[in-house]
Amino acid sequence: QASRVIGPLIGIVLNMLKEVLRFSAIYGLILMIFLSAGMTMFYDYTEFSGDWKGLLFLFSSSLGNFDFATFTQAGTRLDKKYGWVYLMMFLVLTNVVLINFLIAILSNKYTEMEGKSKIMYRQNILAIKQVQAEDKYYSSLVSSFVPLNGLIIPFIPFIVFCKSKKLNDVLLYACYSPMVVLGTTAFLAG
């Protein structure tokens, strides 16, 4: 039961990871574009005095750690206006557009993979069932079902030591005959 849930889930997570990597590339590209623009427009501010400082400022801003007063410290009135517009454009693009884009990608991929995961699970079951072949001597031990497999318990020593195909067939017929009778009766009654 656990592999029925966990197996497809791992497949879904791996496929989502590919989408997250694509999203990270787009996010990184947008981050670099805004970093270049910020270093060009606001080079005299400490937040943009180096590549890593600017990158850290933008990344922390996209996570919600920002202050509009950053651009009013040492700049002119024009810097304040452009700084506010610059930061708002960056925040809207990263937080609203890109995060919603990521959620849409992941939910779409989950829906797509949910159907495929059921198919993959059923293919695995069919592959396992093909491996389980009927044994001409011991299938009555393995193939019988509860509670009718209790009929076989007294015959286990004979099955194991005699290796008789005929005994195996008789026990299989004994176990499955009640099911055939019940199934036929239910079919005819219904």
C-alpha atoms as a PDB file:
ATOM      1  CA  GLN A   1       0.000   0.000   0.000  1.00  0.00           C
ATOM      2  CA  ALA A   2       2.807   2.424   0.818  1.00  0.00           C
ATOM      3  CA  SER A   3       4.557   1.840  -2.500  1.00  0.00           C
ATOM      4  CA  ARG A   4       1.269   2.508  -4.253  1.00  0.00           C
ATOM      5  CA  VAL A   5       1.327   6.048  -2.862  1.00  0.00           C
ATOM      6  CA  ILE A   6       5.054   6.727  -2.484  1.00  0.00           C
ATOM      7  CA  GLY A   7       6.188   5.403  -5.883  1.00  0.00           C
ATOM      8  CA  PRO A   8       4.018   7.723  -7.979  1.00  0.00           C
ATOM      9  CA  LEU A   9       4.686  10.567  -5.544  1.00  0.00           C
ATOM     10  CA  ILE A  10       8.431  10.273  -6.126  1.00  0.00           C
ATOM     11  CA  GLY A  11       7.835  10.425  -9.879  1.00  0.00           C
ATOM     12  CA  ILE A  12       5.677  13.522  -9.469  1.00  0.00           C
ATOM     13  CA  VAL A  13       8.276  15.237  -7.256  1.00  0.00           C
ATOM     14  CA  LEU A  14      11.094  14.487  -9.721  1.00  0.00           C
ATOM     15  CA  ASN A  15       9.097  15.926 -12.608  1.00  0.00           C
ATOM     16  CA  MET A  16       8.172  18.962 -10.521  1.00  0.00           C
ATOM     17  CA  LEU A  17      11.851  19.424  -9.684  1.00  0.00           C
ATOM     18  CA  LYS A  18      12.585  19.832 -13.400  1.00  0.00           C
ATOM     19  CA  GLU A  19       9.938  22.550 -13.578  1.00  0.00           C
ATOM     20  CA  VAL A  20      11.338  24.261 -10.471  1.00  0.00           C
ATOM     21  CA  LEU A  21      14.792  24.316 -12.091  1.00  0.00           C
ATOM     22  CA  ARG A  22      13.318  25.962 -15.190  1.00  0.00           C
ATOM     23  CA  PHE A  23      11.545  28.481 -12.986  1.00  0.00           C
ATOM     24  CA  SER A  24      14.800  29.137 -11.096  1.00  0.00           C
ATOM     25  CA  ALA A  25      16.545  29.899 -14.380  1.00  0.00           C
ATOM     26  CA  ILE A  26      13.840  32.433 -15.307  1.00  0.00           C
ATOM     27  CA  TYR A  27      13.944  33.928 -11.805  1.00  0.00           C
ATOM     28  CA  GLY A  28      17.747  34.156 -11.965  1.00  0.00           C
ATOM     29  CA  LEU A  29      17.571  35.890 -15.345  1.00  0.00           C
ATOM     30  CA  ILE A  30      15.098  38.466 -14.032  1.00  0.00           C
ATOM     31  CA  LEU A  31      17.250  38.927 -10.936  1.00  0.00           C
ATOM     32  CA  MET A  32      20.321  39.605 -13.116  1.00  0.00           C
ATOM     33  CA  ILE A  33      18.405  42.070 -15.314  1.00  0.00           C
ATOM     34  CA  PHE A  34      17.208  44.051 -12.302  1.00  0.00           C
ATOM     35  CA  LEU A  35      20.658  43.819 -10.704  1.00  0.00           C
ATOM     36  CA  SER A  36      22.240  45.343 -13.819  1.00  0.00           C
ATOM     37  CA  ALA A  37      19.617  48.092 -13.942  1.00  0.00           C
ATOM     38  CA  GLY A  38      19.964  48.774 -10.218  1.00  0.00           C
ATOM     39  CA  MET A  39      23.754  48.944 -10.344  1.00  0.00           C
ATOM     40  CA  THR A  40      23.531  51.330 -13.299  1.00  0.00           C
ATOM     41  CA  MET A  41      20.906  53.636 -11.782  1.00  0.00           C
ATOM     42  CA  PHE A  42      21.834  53.455  -8.087  1.00  0.00           C
ATOM     43  CA  TYR A  43      25.595  52.835  -8.081  1.00  0.00           C
ATOM     44  CA  ASP A  44      26.202  55.329  -5.248  1.00  0.00           C
ATOM     45  CA  TYR A  45      23.957  53.425  -2.790  1.00  0.00           C
ATOM     46  CA  THR A  46      25.545  50.853  -0.491  1.00  0.00           C
ATOM     47  CA  GLU A  47      22.948  48.228  -1.488  1.00  0.00           C
ATOM     48  CA  PHE A  48      24.279  48.321  -5.058  1.00  0.00           C
ATOM     49  CA  SER A  49      27.974  48.914  -4.340  1.00  0.00           C
ATOM     50  CA  GLY A  50      28.881  45.374  -5.398  1.00  0.00           C
ATOM     51  CA  ASP A  51      27.448  42.442  -7.303  1.00  0.00           C
ATOM     52  CA  TRP A  52      26.818  40.303  -4.233  1.00  0.00           C
ATOM     53  CA  LYS A  53      25.378  43.166  -2.184  1.00  0.00           C
ATOM     54  CA  GLY A  54      22.956  44.053  -4.976  1.00  0.00           C
ATOM     55  CA  LEU A  55      22.023  40.415  -5.530  1.00  0.00           C
ATOM     56  CA  LEU A  56      21.443  39.920  -1.813  1.00  0.00           C
ATOM     57  CA  PHE A  57      19.373  43.125  -1.633  1.00  0.00           C
ATOM     58  CA  LEU A  58      17.132  42.052  -4.519  1.00  0.00           C
ATOM     59  CA  PHE A  59      16.790  38.474  -3.303  1.00  0.00           C
ATOM     60  CA  SER A  60      15.882  39.553   0.231  1.00  0.00           C
ATOM     61  CA  SER A  61      13.486  42.134  -1.239  1.00  0.00           C
ATOM     62  CA  SER A  62      11.715  39.417  -3.201  1.00  0.00           C
ATOM     63  CA  LEU A  63      11.310  37.496   0.065  1.00  0.00           C
ATOM     64  CA  GLY A  64       9.697  40.523   1.704  1.00  0.00           C
ATOM     65  CA  ASN A  65      12.683  42.101   3.452  1.00  0.00           C
ATOM     66  CA  PHE A  66      12.682  45.540   1.818  1.00  0.00           C
ATOM     67  CA  ASP A  67      12.329  49.185   2.770  1.00  0.00           C
ATOM     68  CA  PHE A  68      11.403  52.028   0.431  1.00  0.00           C
ATOM     69  CA  ALA A  69      13.433  54.376   2.611  1.00  0.00           C
ATOM     70  CA  THR A  70      16.585  52.798   1.168  1.00  0.00           C
ATOM     71  CA  PHE A  71      16.463  55.162  -1.792  1.00  0.00           C
ATOM     72  CA  THR A  72      15.881  58.332   0.275  1.00  0.00           C
ATOM     73  CA  GLN A  73      19.021  58.140   2.409  1.00  0.00           C
ATOM     74  CA  ALA A  74      21.600  59.893   0.255  1.00  0.00           C
ATOM     75  CA  GLY A  75      19.847  60.478  -3.017  1.00  0.00           C
ATOM     76  CA  THR A  76      17.912  63.203  -4.694  1.00  0.00           C
ATOM     77  CA  ARG A  77      14.165  63.438  -5.040  1.00  0.00           C
ATOM     78  CA  LEU A  78      14.476  61.834  -8.475  1.00  0.00           C
ATOM     79  CA  ASP A  79      16.349  58.854  -6.970  1.00  0.00           C
ATOM     80  CA  LYS A  80      13.528  58.405  -4.477  1.00  0.00           C
ATOM     81  CA  LYS A  81      10.922  58.363  -7.238  1.00  0.00           C
ATOM     82  CA  TYR A  82      12.875  56.029  -9.526  1.00  0.00           C
ATOM     83  CA  GLY A  83      13.918  53.849  -6.609  1.00  0.00           C
ATOM     84  CA  TRP A  84      10.323  53.409  -5.563  1.00  0.00           C
ATOM     85  CA  VAL A  85       9.237  52.561  -9.137  1.00  0.00           C
ATOM     86  CA  TYR A  86      12.249  50.260  -9.591  1.00  0.00           C
ATOM     87  CA  LEU A  87      11.566  48.347  -6.387  1.00  0.00           C
ATOM     88  CA  MET A  88       7.805  48.123  -7.058  1.00  0.00           C
ATOM     89  CA  MET A  89       8.392  46.775 -10.566  1.00  0.00           C
ATOM     90  CA  PHE A  90      10.798  44.178  -9.204  1.00  0.00           C
ATOM     91  CA  LEU A  91       8.487  43.135  -6.377  1.00  0.00           C
ATOM     92  CA  VAL A  92       5.408  42.900  -8.580  1.00  0.00           C
ATOM     93  CA  LEU A  93       7.273  40.919 -11.204  1.00  0.00           C
ATOM     94  CA  THR A  94       8.900  38.479  -8.794  1.00  0.00           C
ATOM     95  CA  ASN A  95       6.262  38.098  -6.112  1.00  0.00           C
ATOM     96  CA  VAL A  96       3.028  38.340  -8.003  1.00  0.00           C
ATOM     97  CA  VAL A  97       3.758  37.203 -11.524  1.00  0.00           C
ATOM     98  CA  LEU A  98       6.548  34.685 -11.025  1.00  0.00           C
ATOM     99  CA  ILE A  99       5.194  33.061  -7.869  1.00  0.00           C
ATOM    100  CA  ASN A 100       1.768  32.625  -9.470  1.00  0.00           C
ATOM    101  CA  PHE A 101       3.537  31.302 -12.551  1.00  0.00           C
ATOM    102  CA  LEU A 102       5.383  28.763 -10.391  1.00  0.00           C
ATOM    103  CA  ILE A 103       2.178  27.664  -8.679  1.00  0.00           C
ATOM    104  CA  ALA A 104       0.449  27.251 -12.047  1.00  0.00           C
ATOM    105  CA  ILE A 105       3.365  25.223 -13.437  1.00  0.00           C
ATOM    106  CA  LEU A 106       3.488  22.915 -10.430  1.00  0.00           C
ATOM    107  CA  SER A 107      -0.270  22.359 -10.261  1.00  0.00           C
ATOM    108  CA  ASN A 108      -0.367  21.659 -13.994  1.00  0.00           C
ATOM    109  CA  LYS A 109       2.535  19.219 -13.705  1.00  0.00           C
ATOM    110  CA  TYR A 110       0.879  17.515 -10.720  1.00  0.00           C
ATOM    111  CA  THR A 111      -2.376  17.060 -12.649  1.00  0.00           C
ATOM    112  CA  GLU A 112      -0.482  15.728 -15.651  1.00  0.00           C
ATOM    113  CA  MET A 113       1.625  13.342 -13.598  1.00  0.00           C
ATOM    114  CA  GLU A 114      -1.263  12.125 -11.440  1.00  0.00           C
ATOM    115  CA  GLY A 115      -2.804  10.303 -14.394  1.00  0.00           C
ATOM    116  CA  LYS A 116       0.566   9.035 -15.574  1.00  0.00           C
ATOM    117  CA  SER A 117       1.469   7.790 -12.096  1.00  0.00           C
ATOM    118  CA  LYS A 118      -1.618   5.574 -11.976  1.00  0.00           C
ATOM    119  CA  ILE A 119      -0.661   4.138 -15.342  1.00  0.00           C
ATOM    120  CA  MET A 120       2.934   3.545 -14.192  1.00  0.00           C
ATOM    121  CA  TYR A 121       1.681   1.837 -11.024  1.00  0.00           C
ATOM    122  CA  ARG A 122      -0.566  -0.484 -13.037  1.00  0.00           C
ATOM    123  CA  GLN A 123       2.294  -1.261 -15.428  1.00  0.00           C
ATOM    124  CA  ASN A 124       4.453  -2.246 -12.458  1.00  0.00           C
ATOM    125  CA  ILE A 125       1.712  -4.533 -11.157  1.00  0.00           C
ATOM    126  CA  LEU A 126       1.393  -6.182 -14.561  1.00  0.00           C
ATOM    127  CA  ALA A 127       5.161  -6.636 -14.753  1.00  0.00           C
ATOM    128  CA  ILE A 128       5.180  -8.296 -11.327  1.00  0.00           C
ATOM    129  CA  LYS A 129       2.243 -10.550 -12.198  1.00  0.00           C
ATOM    130  CA  GLN A 130       4.024 -11.718 -15.346  1.00  0.00           C
ATOM    131  CA  VAL A 131       6.950 -12.829 -13.207  1.00  0.00           C
ATOM    132  CA  GLN A 132       4.660 -14.881 -10.984  1.00  0.00           C
ATOM    133  CA  ALA A 133       4.089 -17.942 -13.128  1.00  0.00           C
ATOM    134  CA  GLU A 134       2.007 -20.967 -12.201  1.00  0.00           C
ATOM    135  CA  ASP A 135       3.991 -23.812 -10.737  1.00  0.00           C
ATOM    136  CA  LYS A 136       2.715 -27.258 -11.681  1.00  0.00           C
ATOM    137  CA  TYR A 137       3.516 -28.726  -8.245  1.00  0.00           C
ATOM    138  CA  TYR A 138       3.076 -25.932  -5.685  1.00  0.00           C
ATOM    139  CA  SER A 139       0.502 -23.462  -7.068  1.00  0.00           C
ATOM    140  CA  SER A 140      -2.188 -24.856  -4.757  1.00  0.00           C
ATOM    141  CA  LEU A 141      -0.094 -23.609  -1.817  1.00  0.00           C
ATOM    142  CA  VAL A 142       0.399 -20.151  -3.274  1.00  0.00           C
ATOM    143  CA  SER A 143      -2.769 -19.483  -5.282  1.00  0.00           C
ATOM    144  CA  SER A 144      -5.469 -20.455  -2.815  1.00  0.00           C
ATOM    145  CA  PHE A 145      -7.189 -17.684  -0.884  1.00  0.00           C
ATOM    146  CA  VAL A 146      -8.518 -17.120   2.611  1.00  0.00           C
ATOM    147  CA  PRO A 147     -10.541 -18.880   4.146  1.00  0.00           C
ATOM    148  CA  LEU A 148     -10.492 -21.755   1.699  1.00  0.00           C
ATOM    149  CA  ASN A 149      -6.731 -22.127   1.945  1.00  0.00           C
ATOM    150  CA  GLY A 150      -7.397 -23.803   5.306  1.00  0.00           C
ATOM    151  CA  LEU A 151      -8.452 -26.866   3.297  1.00  0.00           C
ATOM    152  CA  ILE A 152      -4.872 -27.260   2.104  1.00  0.00           C
ATOM    153  CA  ILE A 153      -3.173 -27.314   5.521  1.00  0.00           C
ATOM    154  CA  PRO A 154      -3.527 -31.093   6.054  1.00  0.00           C
ATOM    155  CA  PHE A 155      -2.123 -31.712   2.563  1.00  0.00           C
ATOM    156  CA  ILE A 156       1.034 -29.578   2.868  1.00  0.00           C
ATOM    157  CA  PRO A 157       3.398 -32.508   3.625  1.00  0.00           C
ATOM    158  CA  PHE A 158       2.017 -34.457   0.649  1.00  0.00           C
ATOM    159  CA  ILE A 159       2.304 -31.444  -1.664  1.00  0.00           C
ATOM    160  CA  VAL A 160       5.886 -30.729  -0.636  1.00  0.00           C
ATOM    161  CA  PHE A 161       7.250 -34.272  -0.636  1.00  0.00           C
ATOM    162  CA  CYS A 162       5.222 -35.963  -3.397  1.00  0.00           C
ATOM    163  CA  LYS A 163       5.452 -33.213  -6.028  1.00  0.00           C
ATOM    164  CA  SER A 164       2.311 -34.468  -7.735  1.00  0.00           C
ATOM    165  CA  LYS A 165       0.711 -32.396 -10.465  1.00  0.00           C
ATOM    166  CA  LYS A 166      -2.514 -34.334 -10.063  1.00  0.00           C
ATOM    167  CA  LEU A 167      -2.704 -33.597  -6.295  1.00  0.00           C
ATOM    168  CA  ASN A 168      -1.985 -29.946  -7.024  1.00  0.00           C
ATOM    169  CA  ASP A 169      -4.828 -29.798  -9.573  1.00  0.00           C
ATOM    170  CA  VAL A 170      -7.292 -31.565  -7.253  1.00  0.00           C
ATOM    171  CA  LEU A 171      -6.539 -29.122  -4.425  1.00  0.00           C
ATOM    172  CA  LEU A 172      -6.872 -26.129  -6.745  1.00  0.00           C
ATOM    173  CA  TYR A 173     -10.256 -27.401  -7.947  1.00  0.00           C
ATOM    174  CA  ALA A 174     -11.307 -27.968  -4.316  1.00  0.00           C
ATOM    175  CA  CYS A 175     -10.365 -24.400  -3.369  1.00  0.00           C
ATOM    176  CA  TYR A 176     -11.851 -22.643  -6.389  1.00  0.00           C
ATOM    177  CA  SER A 177     -15.024 -24.741  -6.855  1.00  0.00           C
ATOM    178  CA  PRO A 178     -16.950 -22.940  -4.075  1.00  0.00           C
ATOM    179  CA  MET A 179     -16.059 -19.580  -5.657  1.00  0.00           C
ATOM    180  CA  VAL A 180     -17.226 -20.775  -9.067  1.00  0.00           C
ATOM    181  CA  VAL A 181     -20.517 -21.979  -7.593  1.00  0.00           C
ATOM    182  CA  LEU A 182     -21.039 -18.729  -5.637  1.00  0.00           C
ATOM    183  CA  GLY A 183     -20.111 -16.565  -8.620  1.00  0.00           C
ATOM    184  CA  THR A 184     -22.398 -18.454 -10.985  1.00  0.00           C
ATOM    185  CA  THR A 185     -25.272 -18.354  -8.487  1.00  0.00           C
ATOM    186  CA  ALA A 186     -24.834 -14.610  -7.950  1.00  0.00           C
ATOM    187  CA  PHE A 187     -24.710 -14.042 -11.706  1.00  0.00           C
ATOM    188  CA  LEU A 188     -27.856 -16.049 -12.358  1.00  0.00           C
ATOM    189  CA  ALA A 189     -29.710 -14.514  -9.399  1.00  0.00           C
ATOM    190  CA  GLY A 190     -28.790 -10.938 -10.355  1.00  0.00           C
END
